[in-house]
Protein backbone atom coordinates (compact mmCIF):
# COMPACT_ATOMS: atom_id res chain seq x y z
CA MET A 1 15.71 24.27 -21.20
CA ASN A 2 18.56 23.78 -18.49
CA LEU A 3 19.36 20.18 -16.78
CA SER A 4 17.36 20.20 -13.09
CA GLY A 5 19.98 20.15 -10.78
CA ARG A 6 18.49 16.65 -9.54
CA ALA A 7 18.81 15.60 -13.15
CA ARG A 8 22.40 16.66 -13.13
CA ASN A 9 23.03 14.43 -9.81
CA ARG A 10 20.97 11.33 -10.87
CA LEU A 11 23.15 11.24 -13.86
CA ASN A 12 26.31 11.42 -12.19
CA ASP A 13 25.42 8.44 -10.55
CA VAL A 14 24.60 6.92 -13.72
CA ALA A 15 28.04 7.77 -15.16
CA ARG A 16 29.24 5.72 -11.89
CA GLU A 17 27.28 2.93 -12.23
CA LEU A 18 28.57 2.72 -16.20
CA LEU A 19 31.83 2.32 -14.72
CA ARG A 20 30.71 -1.10 -13.54
CA GLN A 21 28.09 -2.02 -16.37
CA PRO A 22 27.60 -1.95 -19.50
CA THR A 23 24.14 -0.33 -19.63
CA VAL A 24 21.98 0.78 -16.86
CA GLU A 25 18.09 1.11 -17.05
CA LYS A 26 15.95 3.85 -15.10
CA SER A 27 12.02 3.99 -14.28
CA ARG A 28 10.48 6.86 -15.91
CA GLY A 29 10.44 8.87 -13.12
CA GLN A 30 10.17 13.09 -12.69
CA TRP A 31 14.32 13.20 -13.29
CA VAL A 32 14.40 10.58 -16.28
CA ASN A 33 11.19 12.55 -17.93
CA ASP A 34 13.15 15.76 -17.64
CA VAL A 35 16.52 13.93 -19.64
CA VAL A 36 14.10 12.70 -22.14
CA ALA A 37 12.58 16.03 -22.60
CA TRP A 38 15.95 17.88 -22.62
CA CYS A 39 17.40 15.29 -24.82
CA HIS A 40 14.34 15.77 -27.37
CA GLN A 41 15.24 19.03 -27.63
CA HIS A 42 18.96 19.04 -28.16
CA ASP A 43 17.90 16.53 -31.02
CA ILE A 44 19.17 13.44 -29.06
CA ASP A 45 17.92 10.24 -30.39
CA LEU A 46 16.57 7.92 -27.63
CA ALA A 47 14.42 5.69 -29.95
CA ALA A 48 16.51 2.39 -29.22
CA ARG A 49 16.55 3.16 -25.31
CA ILE A 50 13.29 4.49 -24.42
CA ASN A 51 10.14 2.59 -23.79
CA SER A 52 6.71 3.96 -21.76
CA LYS A 53 8.67 2.20 -18.58
CA THR A 54 12.34 2.84 -18.65
CA LEU A 55 15.55 4.95 -20.05
CA ARG A 56 18.59 2.62 -20.91
CA PHE A 57 22.00 4.85 -20.21
CA ASP A 58 25.44 3.61 -21.95
CA ALA A 59 28.16 5.48 -22.63
CA ALA A 60 27.36 7.08 -25.83
CA LEU A 61 24.36 8.55 -24.67
CA LEU A 62 26.48 10.34 -21.78
CA ALA A 63 28.84 11.31 -24.49
CA GLN A 64 26.02 12.94 -26.59
CA ILE A 65 25.09 14.49 -23.49
CA ASN A 66 28.81 15.87 -22.53
CA ASP A 67 29.02 16.94 -26.56
CA VAL A 68 25.48 19.13 -26.10
CA LEU A 69 26.67 20.73 -22.64
CA ASP A 70 30.40 21.60 -23.68
CA SER A 71 28.97 23.36 -26.69
CA ALA A 72 26.75 25.02 -24.78
CA ARG A 73 29.77 26.14 -22.01
CA ILE A 74 28.41 23.79 -19.40
CA ALA A 75 30.17 21.70 -17.20
CA PRO A 76 30.09 18.33 -18.00
CA LEU A 77 28.72 15.51 -15.99
CA GLY A 78 30.90 14.37 -12.94
CA ARG A 79 31.94 17.75 -12.39
CA SER A 80 29.43 18.79 -9.38
CA LEU A 81 28.84 22.54 -9.13
CA SER A 82 27.60 22.19 -5.62
CA GLY A 83 28.82 23.91 -2.78
CA LEU A 84 31.18 26.04 -5.08
CA PRO A 85 30.76 30.04 -5.01
CA SER A 86 29.39 31.24 -7.97
CA SER A 87 33.05 32.73 -9.26
CA ALA A 88 34.27 29.02 -9.21
CA GLN A 89 31.11 27.94 -10.74
CA ALA A 90 31.70 30.55 -13.89
CA LYS A 91 35.17 28.92 -14.31
CA GLU A 92 33.10 25.74 -15.36
CA GLY A 93 30.91 26.93 -17.63
CA LEU A 94 27.63 29.25 -18.26
CA GLU A 95 25.45 27.01 -16.05
CA GLU A 96 24.72 28.13 -11.94
CA ASP A 97 23.68 25.97 -9.53
CA LYS A 98 22.36 29.10 -7.14
CA ALA A 99 20.58 27.01 -4.86
CA ASN A 100 23.40 24.89 -3.48
CA ARG A 101 26.32 27.47 -4.49
CA GLU A 102 28.54 28.23 -1.44
CA SER A 103 27.32 31.63 0.12
CA PRO A 104 29.43 34.79 -0.81
CA ARG A 105 29.82 35.17 3.16
CA ALA A 106 30.66 31.23 3.98
CA ARG A 107 34.12 32.14 4.99
CA ARG A 108 33.94 36.35 5.87
CA VAL A 109 33.93 37.48 9.09
CA LEU A 110 33.83 41.18 10.43
CA VAL A 111 36.95 42.04 12.00
CA SER A 112 37.76 45.20 13.89
CA PHE A 113 41.07 46.47 13.90
CA PRO A 114 43.06 49.68 15.31
CA PRO A 115 42.49 53.34 13.27
CA GLN A 116 44.33 52.65 9.57
CA PRO A 117 44.43 55.88 7.34
CA ILE A 118 42.75 55.66 3.85
CA ALA A 119 42.95 58.46 1.55
CA GLY A 120 39.56 60.18 0.86
CA LEU A 121 38.00 58.16 4.56
CA ALA A 122 37.82 59.91 7.43
CA ILE A 123 39.50 58.31 10.16
CA GLU A 124 37.39 56.55 12.92
CA PRO A 125 38.15 55.04 15.94
CA ARG A 126 38.36 51.40 14.72
CA ALA A 127 38.52 50.15 11.40
CA ILE A 128 36.01 47.51 10.36
CA ARG A 129 36.81 44.88 7.83
CA ASP A 130 35.00 42.08 6.16
CA VAL A 131 37.66 39.59 5.80
CA ASP A 132 37.87 35.80 4.32
CA VAL A 133 39.03 33.16 7.52
CA GLN A 134 41.83 32.07 5.97
CA THR A 135 43.47 35.37 5.43
CA LEU A 136 43.79 35.69 9.16
CA LYS A 137 46.97 34.73 10.74
CA LEU A 138 46.01 33.73 14.18
CA SER A 139 49.72 33.26 15.70
CA ALA A 140 50.01 37.19 15.55
CA PHE A 141 46.96 37.72 17.95
CA SER A 142 47.37 37.21 21.62
CA ALA A 143 43.61 36.38 22.14
CA MET A 144 40.15 36.77 20.36
CA ILE A 145 37.22 38.83 21.70
CA GLN A 146 33.95 38.01 20.69
CA VAL A 147 31.59 40.69 20.73
CA GLU A 148 27.43 39.69 20.62
CA ASN A 149 25.78 42.43 19.36
CA LEU A 150 26.55 44.32 16.34
CA ASP A 151 26.11 47.62 17.55
CA SER A 152 28.61 47.11 20.32
CA PHE A 153 30.89 45.51 18.05
CA TYR A 154 31.00 48.69 15.93
CA GLU A 155 31.75 50.86 19.14
CA PHE A 156 33.92 48.04 20.62
CA SER A 157 37.44 49.15 21.79
CA PRO A 158 40.03 46.57 23.51
CA ASP A 159 41.62 49.62 25.28
CA ILE A 160 40.38 49.05 28.67
CA PRO A 161 41.85 48.13 31.95
CA ALA A 162 40.58 44.21 31.90
CA LEU A 163 41.95 43.89 28.39
CA SER A 164 45.55 45.41 29.07
CA GLY A 165 47.55 42.34 29.12
CA TYR A 166 46.66 41.08 25.66
CA VAL A 167 48.69 42.44 22.47
CA ASN A 168 47.09 42.89 19.43
CA PRO A 169 43.67 40.98 20.40
CA LEU A 170 41.58 40.06 17.69
CA VAL A 171 38.05 41.48 17.99
CA VAL A 172 35.26 39.98 15.85
CA TYR A 173 31.62 40.03 15.72
CA ARG A 174 29.89 36.85 16.40
CA GLY A 175 27.94 36.71 13.26
CA ASP A 176 24.61 35.92 12.59
CA SER A 177 22.48 34.75 9.61
CA HIS A 178 25.06 36.67 7.01
CA TYR A 179 28.59 35.96 9.00
CA GLY A 180 27.36 33.03 11.36
CA GLY A 181 29.27 30.18 8.98
CA GLY A 182 32.72 32.18 8.77
CA PHE A 183 32.88 32.79 12.60
CA ALA A 184 31.87 28.90 13.02
CA LEU A 185 35.29 27.98 11.19
CA LEU A 186 37.07 30.71 13.08
CA VAL A 187 36.33 29.66 16.42
CA ASN A 188 37.18 25.83 15.45
CA ALA A 189 40.31 27.40 14.16
CA TRP A 190 40.91 29.22 16.97
CA HIS A 191 39.74 26.65 19.79
CA LYS A 192 43.20 24.91 18.37
CA THR A 193 45.42 27.76 19.41
CA HIS A 194 44.82 27.39 23.24
CA ARG A 195 44.74 31.32 23.55
CA PRO A 196 42.28 32.99 25.46
CA HIS A 197 38.66 33.72 23.74
CA ILE A 198 36.51 36.18 25.54
CA TYR A 199 33.59 36.62 24.74
CA ALA A 200 31.55 40.48 25.32
CA GLY A 201 27.78 39.76 25.51
CA ASP A 202 24.41 40.50 27.07
CA PHE A 203 24.53 38.97 30.34
CA ASP A 204 21.58 37.02 30.06
CA VAL A 205 21.31 32.95 30.05
CA LYS A 206 21.33 33.31 26.04
CA GLY A 207 24.51 34.93 26.13
CA VAL A 208 26.36 32.90 28.47
CA THR A 209 25.24 29.84 26.43
CA LEU A 210 26.45 31.01 23.23
CA ALA A 211 29.58 31.83 25.10
CA LEU A 212 29.66 28.29 25.82
CA ASP A 213 28.88 27.06 22.95
CA SER A 214 32.15 29.13 21.19
CA ASN A 215 34.40 27.38 23.62
CA ALA A 216 34.81 30.64 24.83
CA THR A 217 37.01 30.73 28.22
CA HIS A 218 36.17 34.43 29.54
CA LEU A 219 33.28 36.10 29.93
CA LEU A 220 33.88 39.99 30.14
CA LEU A 221 31.50 41.75 32.67
CA PRO A 222 31.18 44.14 34.95
CA THR A 223 31.89 43.12 38.58
CA ILE A 224 29.56 41.03 40.86
CA GLU A 225 29.05 44.07 43.01
CA TRP A 226 28.12 46.20 39.84
CA LEU A 227 25.53 43.95 38.27
CA ALA A 228 23.62 43.33 41.86
CA GLN A 229 22.76 46.48 41.74
CA ASN A 230 22.29 47.38 38.27
CA ALA A 231 20.92 43.92 36.83
CA THR A 232 17.07 43.91 36.19
CA PRO A 233 14.10 41.60 36.04
CA LEU A 234 13.41 43.12 33.03
CA HIS A 235 16.06 41.40 30.93
CA VAL A 236 14.79 37.97 31.36
CA PRO A 237 12.98 37.50 28.60
CA ALA A 238 10.48 34.30 28.66
CA GLU A 239 12.30 32.80 25.55
CA GLN A 240 15.27 32.62 27.30
CA PHE A 241 14.05 29.92 29.96
CA PRO A 242 14.77 26.74 28.04
CA TYR A 243 18.54 27.77 28.15
CA GLN A 244 18.77 27.98 31.77
CA ARG A 245 18.74 23.98 32.32
CA ARG A 246 22.17 23.70 31.01
CA LEU A 247 23.51 27.21 32.84
CA ARG A 248 22.09 25.05 36.18
CA LYS A 249 24.26 21.87 35.25
CA HIS A 250 27.04 24.38 34.67
CA LEU A 251 26.67 26.26 38.02
CA ALA A 252 26.39 22.80 39.85
CA ALA A 253 29.94 21.72 38.03
CA LEU A 254 31.52 24.70 38.78
CA PRO A 255 33.75 24.45 42.39
CA SER A 256 33.07 26.43 45.25
CA GLY A 257 34.60 29.85 45.25
CA HIS A 258 34.73 29.97 41.45
CA LEU A 259 34.17 33.58 40.59
CA LEU A 260 31.71 32.59 37.95
CA ARG A 261 29.05 30.76 40.49
CA ASP A 262 27.81 34.49 42.13
CA TYR A 263 27.31 35.49 38.17
CA LEU A 264 24.86 32.16 37.65
CA THR A 265 23.31 32.61 40.95
CA LEU A 266 22.22 36.27 40.22
CA LEU A 267 21.28 35.18 36.92
CA LEU A 268 19.47 31.54 37.62
CA GLU A 269 18.20 32.38 41.03
CA LYS A 270 17.79 36.03 41.24
CA GLN A 271 16.44 35.82 37.76
CA ARG A 272 18.23 39.22 36.49
CA GLY A 273 19.86 40.23 33.78
CA LEU A 274 21.32 43.27 31.58
CA LYS A 275 22.14 44.42 28.33
CA GLN A 276 25.62 44.61 26.81
CA GLN A 277 25.11 47.99 25.72
CA TRP A 278 24.62 49.04 29.49
CA PHE A 279 27.73 47.60 31.00
CA GLY A 280 29.56 50.90 30.78
CA ARG A 281 33.22 50.48 30.39
CA ASP A 282 34.25 49.30 34.07
CA LEU A 283 34.69 45.47 32.88
CA GLY A 284 37.00 42.51 34.13
CA CYS A 285 37.29 38.80 32.71
CA VAL A 286 35.57 36.23 34.37
CA GLY A 287 36.95 32.61 33.60
CA ILE A 288 34.06 30.16 32.34
CA GLY A 289 35.35 26.80 33.47
């Protein structure tokens, strides 16, 4: 029997209380009963400390508990495993707090780089790397290009006229349940650089809203004339209707003559959109603010 995560956390609370007073009494709730059962299993005598309603903790009892934890190569009380990746938890002992550990992908992002020859691997148009956000030297990139859809990300190349003014742009996947956390960290760090952040995604209400949420500075889109001919009511899903209110507010706040006004009018008034995969390569950067 191992100490439950809840019991361990409450014992840590008790340890802090014992810094201010010699003993601490706790009612016989579930976590206390878990501690009682664990102590009995490990031959820790509670006779003088326990009754039907409470368990009295003192420094000597916690020292006995820590001795058992130490002999089992488990982190002592006061050493929280919560939020640590499994590799860091392993350094603290044999116990793993899997429910509260840091996800293995918590700081990871998918990034696309120019081709990088590797022995034994055929050269592909772009090199896709799973990297730790903290290893990226953001000063090396003149712009960040956030790609919404994973299939488009794998095929995306920044070698198009619309992006020719940017040296070594950072092409990164927007993220999902696997990579969303790492991308959020990257967005926060990139925003502080005050450099262009270009959103390459679907021309629809949700796509533009995601760009706003990411503090993107530009959208990568076909010309408004091309979209007026090719955008379709078939790509205006009902589940995106709740996002329209925010975009209408954004449209109302844009100055007259702003290029984005025509795009939002096409989305909101004419109710037409288009998926990123249908754009082609004749694209341009449209300012968001």
